[in-house]
Protein backbone atom coordinates (compact mmCIF):
# COMPACT_ATOMS: atom_id res chain seq x y z
CA MET A 1 -27.42 -62.00 -82.95
CA GLY A 2 -29.68 -59.75 -80.90
CA ILE A 3 -28.64 -61.46 -77.68
CA SER A 4 -24.97 -60.90 -78.45
CA GLN A 5 -25.48 -57.18 -79.10
CA SER A 6 -27.48 -56.86 -75.87
CA LYS A 7 -24.67 -58.42 -73.89
CA ARG A 8 -22.11 -56.09 -75.45
CA ARG A 9 -24.25 -53.06 -74.58
CA SER A 10 -24.62 -54.32 -71.01
CA CYS A 11 -20.84 -54.82 -70.59
CA SER A 12 -20.12 -51.44 -72.12
CA SER A 13 -22.58 -49.82 -69.72
CA ARG A 14 -20.89 -51.44 -66.71
CA MET A 15 -17.47 -50.34 -67.95
CA LEU A 16 -18.70 -46.75 -68.21
CA GLU A 17 -20.24 -46.83 -64.77
CA SER A 18 -17.39 -48.57 -62.95
CA PRO A 19 -15.06 -45.54 -62.59
CA GLN A 20 -17.82 -43.50 -60.96
CA ASP A 21 -18.78 -46.36 -58.69
CA HIS A 22 -15.11 -46.94 -57.79
CA SER A 23 -14.57 -43.30 -56.88
CA VAL A 24 -17.55 -43.37 -54.57
CA ARG A 25 -16.32 -46.49 -52.79
CA ALA A 26 -12.77 -44.99 -52.33
CA GLY A 27 -13.98 -41.92 -50.41
CA PHE A 28 -14.20 -41.38 -46.62
CA THR A 29 -17.39 -41.12 -44.70
CA LEU A 30 -17.97 -38.14 -42.41
CA THR A 31 -17.40 -40.33 -39.36
CA GLU A 32 -14.06 -41.54 -40.69
CA LEU A 33 -12.93 -37.96 -41.40
CA LEU A 34 -13.89 -36.85 -37.88
CA VAL A 35 -11.92 -39.75 -36.40
CA VAL A 36 -8.82 -38.85 -38.43
CA ILE A 37 -9.09 -35.19 -37.47
CA GLY A 38 -9.51 -36.12 -33.82
CA ILE A 39 -6.39 -38.28 -33.88
CA MET A 40 -4.39 -35.46 -35.51
CA VAL A 41 -5.56 -32.99 -32.86
CA MET A 42 -4.56 -35.37 -30.06
CA LEU A 43 -1.10 -35.93 -31.57
CA LEU A 44 -0.61 -32.19 -31.96
CA ALA A 45 -1.66 -31.59 -28.36
CA LEU A 46 0.91 -34.14 -27.20
CA ALA A 47 3.70 -32.78 -29.42
CA LEU A 48 3.36 -29.07 -28.56
CA PRO A 49 4.42 -29.33 -24.87
CA VAL A 50 7.39 -31.49 -25.85
CA ALA A 51 8.47 -29.01 -28.52
CA THR A 52 8.04 -26.10 -26.09
CA SER A 53 10.06 -27.89 -23.43
CA LEU A 54 12.86 -28.61 -25.89
CA ARG A 55 12.90 -25.01 -27.06
CA GLU A 56 13.07 -23.65 -23.50
CA GLY A 57 15.76 -26.17 -22.61
CA ASN A 58 17.85 -25.03 -25.57
CA ARG A 59 17.43 -21.41 -24.54
CA MET A 60 18.56 -22.17 -21.01
CA MET A 61 21.58 -24.08 -22.30
CA SER A 62 22.50 -21.12 -24.53
CA CYS A 63 22.16 -18.82 -21.52
CA ARG A 64 24.49 -21.07 -19.51
CA SER A 65 26.98 -20.96 -22.37
CA HIS A 66 26.86 -17.15 -22.38
CA LEU A 67 27.43 -17.03 -18.62
CA SER A 68 30.40 -19.39 -18.95
CA GLN A 69 31.91 -17.09 -21.57
CA ILE A 70 31.38 -14.13 -19.24
CA SER A 71 33.12 -16.03 -16.45
CA GLN A 72 36.21 -16.66 -18.56
CA ALA A 73 36.26 -13.08 -19.81
CA ILE A 74 35.94 -11.56 -16.34
CA LYS A 75 38.84 -13.66 -15.05
CA MET A 76 41.08 -12.41 -17.88
CA TYR A 77 39.90 -8.84 -17.26
CA ARG A 78 40.77 -9.14 -13.58
CA MET A 79 44.28 -10.41 -14.38
CA ASP A 80 44.90 -7.29 -16.50
CA GLU A 81 43.03 -4.64 -14.50
CA GLY A 82 43.23 -5.90 -10.92
CA GLY A 83 39.45 -5.82 -10.49
CA VAL A 84 36.15 -6.50 -12.19
CA PRO A 85 34.32 -4.26 -14.69
CA PRO A 86 33.00 -1.24 -12.77
CA TYR A 87 29.31 -1.12 -12.06
CA TYR A 88 28.28 0.60 -8.83
CA ILE A 89 26.26 3.51 -7.51
CA ASP A 90 28.18 6.75 -7.43
CA PRO A 91 27.16 8.54 -4.22
CA ASP A 92 28.28 11.88 -5.66
CA GLU A 93 25.63 11.69 -8.37
CA PRO A 94 22.18 13.14 -7.57
CA TYR A 95 19.22 10.82 -7.40
CA SER A 96 16.79 10.84 -10.31
CA VAL A 97 13.04 10.23 -10.26
CA ASP A 98 11.52 7.45 -12.34
CA GLU A 99 8.13 7.44 -14.09
CA GLU A 100 6.35 6.37 -10.88
CA GLY A 101 7.87 9.21 -8.88
CA VAL A 102 10.31 7.02 -6.97
CA GLU A 103 13.81 8.34 -6.30
CA THR A 104 16.41 6.09 -7.82
CA ASN A 105 20.10 6.08 -8.49
CA PRO A 106 20.99 3.18 -10.78
CA PRO A 107 24.54 1.87 -10.96
CA GLU A 108 26.96 3.59 -13.29
CA GLY A 109 29.80 2.30 -15.37
CA PRO A 110 30.07 0.04 -18.41
CA GLY A 111 29.47 -3.10 -16.37
CA LEU A 112 29.85 -6.36 -18.24
CA MET A 113 29.83 -4.48 -21.56
CA GLN A 114 33.41 -3.53 -20.73
CA LEU A 115 34.36 -7.15 -21.40
CA TYR A 116 33.30 -6.67 -25.00
CA TYR A 117 34.82 -3.21 -25.33
CA GLY A 118 38.14 -4.52 -24.03
CA GLY A 119 38.20 -7.52 -26.36
CA TYR A 120 37.68 -10.12 -23.63
CA LEU A 121 34.38 -11.21 -25.18
CA ALA A 122 34.42 -11.98 -28.88
CA ARG A 123 30.67 -11.54 -29.34
CA ARG A 124 28.46 -8.84 -27.90
CA GLU A 125 25.58 -11.34 -28.19
CA SER A 126 27.11 -13.21 -25.24
CA LEU A 127 25.70 -10.46 -23.01
CA HIS A 128 22.14 -11.25 -24.07
CA CYS A 129 19.99 -14.08 -22.72
CA PRO A 130 18.06 -15.77 -25.56
CA ARG A 131 14.99 -15.94 -23.30
CA ASP A 132 14.97 -12.14 -23.01
CA VAL A 133 12.47 -11.47 -25.78
CA TYR A 134 11.35 -8.13 -24.38
CA ALA A 135 14.23 -5.81 -25.32
CA GLU A 136 14.61 -4.45 -28.82
CA PRO A 137 17.56 -5.96 -30.70
CA ASP A 138 20.69 -3.77 -30.69
CA SER A 139 19.22 -1.51 -28.00
CA GLU A 140 21.13 -0.76 -24.80
CA GLU A 141 18.75 -2.92 -22.77
CA TYR A 142 19.22 -5.83 -25.17
CA PHE A 143 22.78 -6.35 -23.88
CA GLN A 144 21.92 -5.89 -20.20
CA SER A 145 20.34 -9.29 -19.53
CA TYR A 146 22.92 -10.01 -16.82
CA ILE A 147 23.26 -6.57 -15.18
CA ARG A 148 19.59 -5.73 -14.73
CA ARG A 149 17.55 -4.87 -11.68
CA ASP A 150 15.56 -7.91 -10.53
CA GLU A 151 12.52 -6.71 -8.64
CA ASP A 152 11.44 -10.19 -7.55
CA VAL A 153 14.52 -11.37 -5.65
CA ALA A 154 15.04 -11.14 -1.92
CA SER A 155 17.49 -8.40 -1.02
CA ASP A 156 19.05 -6.86 2.06
CA THR A 157 19.22 -3.46 0.31
CA GLU A 158 17.60 -1.97 -2.75
CA LEU A 159 21.04 -1.75 -4.31
CA ASN A 160 21.55 -5.51 -4.21
CA ARG A 161 18.55 -6.23 -6.41
CA TYR A 162 20.92 -5.69 -9.32
CA THR A 163 22.17 -8.98 -10.69
CA TYR A 164 25.73 -7.72 -11.15
CA LEU A 165 27.61 -5.21 -8.99
CA SER A 166 31.31 -4.59 -8.47
CA THR A 167 30.75 -4.79 -4.72
CA ARG A 168 27.86 -5.71 -2.43
CA GLY A 169 28.76 -3.12 0.16
CA VAL A 170 30.02 -5.42 2.94
CA THR A 171 32.86 -3.63 4.76
CA ASP A 172 33.19 -5.73 7.94
CA ARG A 173 35.94 -8.33 7.50
CA ASP A 174 34.33 -10.49 10.17
CA ASP A 175 31.11 -10.71 8.16
CA PRO A 176 30.81 -14.26 6.71
CA TYR A 177 29.81 -12.70 3.39
CA TYR A 178 32.73 -10.30 3.20
CA TYR A 179 34.55 -12.52 0.70
CA ARG A 180 31.34 -13.28 -1.16
CA GLN A 181 31.64 -10.04 -3.19
CA LEU A 182 33.60 -9.44 -6.36
CA GLN A 183 35.58 -6.59 -4.80
CA PRO A 184 35.85 -5.28 -1.25
CA ALA A 185 33.90 -2.17 -0.39
CA GLU A 186 35.08 1.19 0.86
CA GLU A 187 33.01 2.28 3.83
CA ARG A 188 31.10 5.43 3.04
CA ALA A 189 28.18 7.19 4.63
CA VAL A 190 25.98 7.19 1.53
CA SER A 191 26.90 4.31 -0.76
CA PRO A 192 29.90 1.96 -0.81
CA ARG A 193 32.45 2.07 -3.57
CA PRO A 194 34.54 -0.90 -4.72
CA VAL A 195 38.18 -0.94 -3.72
CA MET A 196 40.79 -1.92 -6.31
CA ASP A 197 42.86 -4.60 -4.59
CA PRO A 198 45.03 -6.77 -6.88
CA HIS A 199 45.48 -9.27 -4.03
CA TRP A 200 41.75 -9.71 -3.51
CA HIS A 201 40.36 -13.13 -4.32
CA PRO A 202 36.62 -13.73 -3.96
CA SER A 203 35.28 -16.96 -2.53
CA ASP A 204 34.47 -19.62 -5.11
CA GLN A 205 30.80 -19.28 -4.11
CA THR A 206 30.67 -15.58 -4.86
CA VAL A 207 27.73 -14.83 -7.16
CA VAL A 208 28.92 -13.01 -10.27
CA THR A 209 25.46 -12.56 -11.76
CA TRP A 210 22.22 -14.41 -12.33
CA CYS A 211 19.51 -14.73 -14.95
CA SER A 212 15.81 -14.79 -14.06
CA TYR A 213 14.28 -14.97 -17.53
CA HIS A 214 13.77 -18.75 -17.39
CA VAL A 215 12.00 -18.90 -14.03
CA THR A 216 8.47 -19.08 -15.48
CA HIS A 217 9.45 -21.46 -18.28
CA VAL A 218 11.78 -24.06 -16.73
CA GLU A 219 10.88 -25.94 -13.55
CA MET A 220 12.55 -28.63 -11.45
CA GLY A 221 10.79 -30.15 -8.49
CA GLY A 222 7.95 -27.66 -8.92
CA ALA A 223 10.25 -24.65 -8.60
CA GLY A 224 11.12 -22.21 -11.37
CA GLN A 225 14.84 -22.10 -12.07
CA TYR A 226 17.41 -19.31 -12.10
CA ASN A 227 20.74 -19.60 -13.89
CA VAL A 228 23.38 -18.42 -11.41
CA LEU A 229 27.04 -17.82 -12.29
CA PHE A 230 29.55 -18.31 -9.47
CA TRP A 231 33.14 -17.13 -9.25
CA ASP A 232 34.51 -20.65 -9.67
CA GLY A 233 33.02 -20.62 -13.19
CA SER A 234 30.12 -22.96 -12.49
CA VAL A 235 26.65 -22.09 -13.73
CA ARG A 236 24.00 -23.69 -11.56
CA ARG A 237 20.25 -23.88 -11.51
CA ILE A 238 18.90 -22.43 -8.28
CA GLY A 239 15.24 -22.70 -7.30
CA GLU A 240 13.19 -19.52 -7.23
CA HIS A 241 12.22 -20.02 -3.57
CA LEU A 242 15.88 -19.71 -2.55
CA MET A 243 16.29 -16.57 -4.62
CA ARG A 244 13.01 -14.91 -3.64
CA ASP A 245 11.79 -16.18 -0.29
CA GLU A 246 13.70 -14.63 2.62
CA GLU A 247 12.41 -17.33 4.99
CA VAL A 248 13.68 -20.17 2.78
CA GLY A 249 16.84 -18.74 1.23
CA PRO A 250 19.72 -16.78 2.75
CA GLY A 251 17.73 -13.53 2.81
CA ALA A 252 19.33 -11.99 -0.27
CA ALA A 253 19.79 -13.45 -3.74
CA TRP A 254 23.47 -12.45 -3.98
CA ARG A 255 24.20 -14.58 -0.88
CA VAL A 256 22.90 -17.83 -2.35
CA GLY A 257 25.40 -20.68 -2.55
CA TYR A 258 25.59 -24.34 -3.45
CA THR A 259 26.57 -27.67 -1.98
CA PRO A 260 30.28 -28.24 -2.80
CA GLU A 261 29.95 -32.02 -3.21
CA PRO A 262 27.09 -33.41 -5.33
CA VAL A 263 24.43 -35.33 -3.46
CA ASN A 264 22.07 -37.98 -4.76
CA GLY A 265 18.73 -36.86 -6.10
CA ASP A 266 17.38 -33.45 -6.93
CA ASN A 267 14.95 -31.59 -4.74
CA GLY A 268 14.35 -28.70 -7.13
CA ASN A 269 16.60 -26.28 -5.27
CA GLY A 270 19.59 -26.64 -7.53
CA GLU A 271 20.91 -28.71 -10.36
CA ASN A 272 22.11 -32.22 -9.51
CA GLY A 273 20.87 -31.86 -5.97
CA ASP A 274 22.61 -28.56 -5.20
CA ASN A 275 20.40 -27.14 -2.53
CA GLY A 276 21.79 -23.65 -2.27
CA ASP A 277 23.15 -21.84 0.74
CA ASN A 278 21.44 -21.95 4.10
CA GLY A 279 22.30 -18.37 4.90
CA ASN A 280 25.11 -19.13 7.30
CA GLY A 281 27.85 -18.31 4.84
CA GLU A 282 29.66 -21.62 4.73
CA ASN A 283 32.61 -21.65 2.38
CA GLY A 284 32.24 -17.92 2.06
CA ASN A 285 34.73 -16.59 4.60
CA GLY A 286 37.93 -17.26 2.79
CA GLY A 287 39.60 -16.37 -0.47
């Protein structure tokens, strides 16, 4: 009888202790926790660049979509008005002085915003690049992503640092870049004005505008990429060296072009192997 009670007490004791012992055995050691944390950190480090690349790629695609909408709108505007939305320097206006004491005379006119005012663009947001995170929403600058002054590009004149202008100031018809402007220019002593000519037809390789906000975030072949809108409606990636380096590109960003037929491979100068213009003005001397 005593032996039987002793056995029951022993079994009962083990039953009471087993949950505690089981919980101890189910836990992780410090080494195991450190290994798990290390694996999670490595996976996170691998995932972040991929997520960032996808986000920047989506922003660039949205920018290209906006530029395509602008291209369609500007063609319809030209059919109605005989020219492009006005945006040029008025030589009759006095120069102003900026915060650094430099005389400046920025272009005047509604620019591409006229496409929205006139009903050619359904959404004002189409004038804003999603990579432009610097301007305050609904501010004037917020909708000037594609008519801004680009300080980093190569330029033959200070005027042509602006991404969009009604005319580039070329008045000589024998100049290979004469037809590479949206409108012909009236020759003036101070600053050229665009001429309204309903029969004018820019070259297909005429640069309408460009976007530089992606250049430090999207690379191809080791070169940061610009989105460039051409008159034929194509939006192409052009390498930053062609847009900025006078010794590599055509000497001015507004003169950059593209290879008409696609070539195999991509050297980072332009999308699908488009290697830009060599500065000689091919395909730019006819309407």
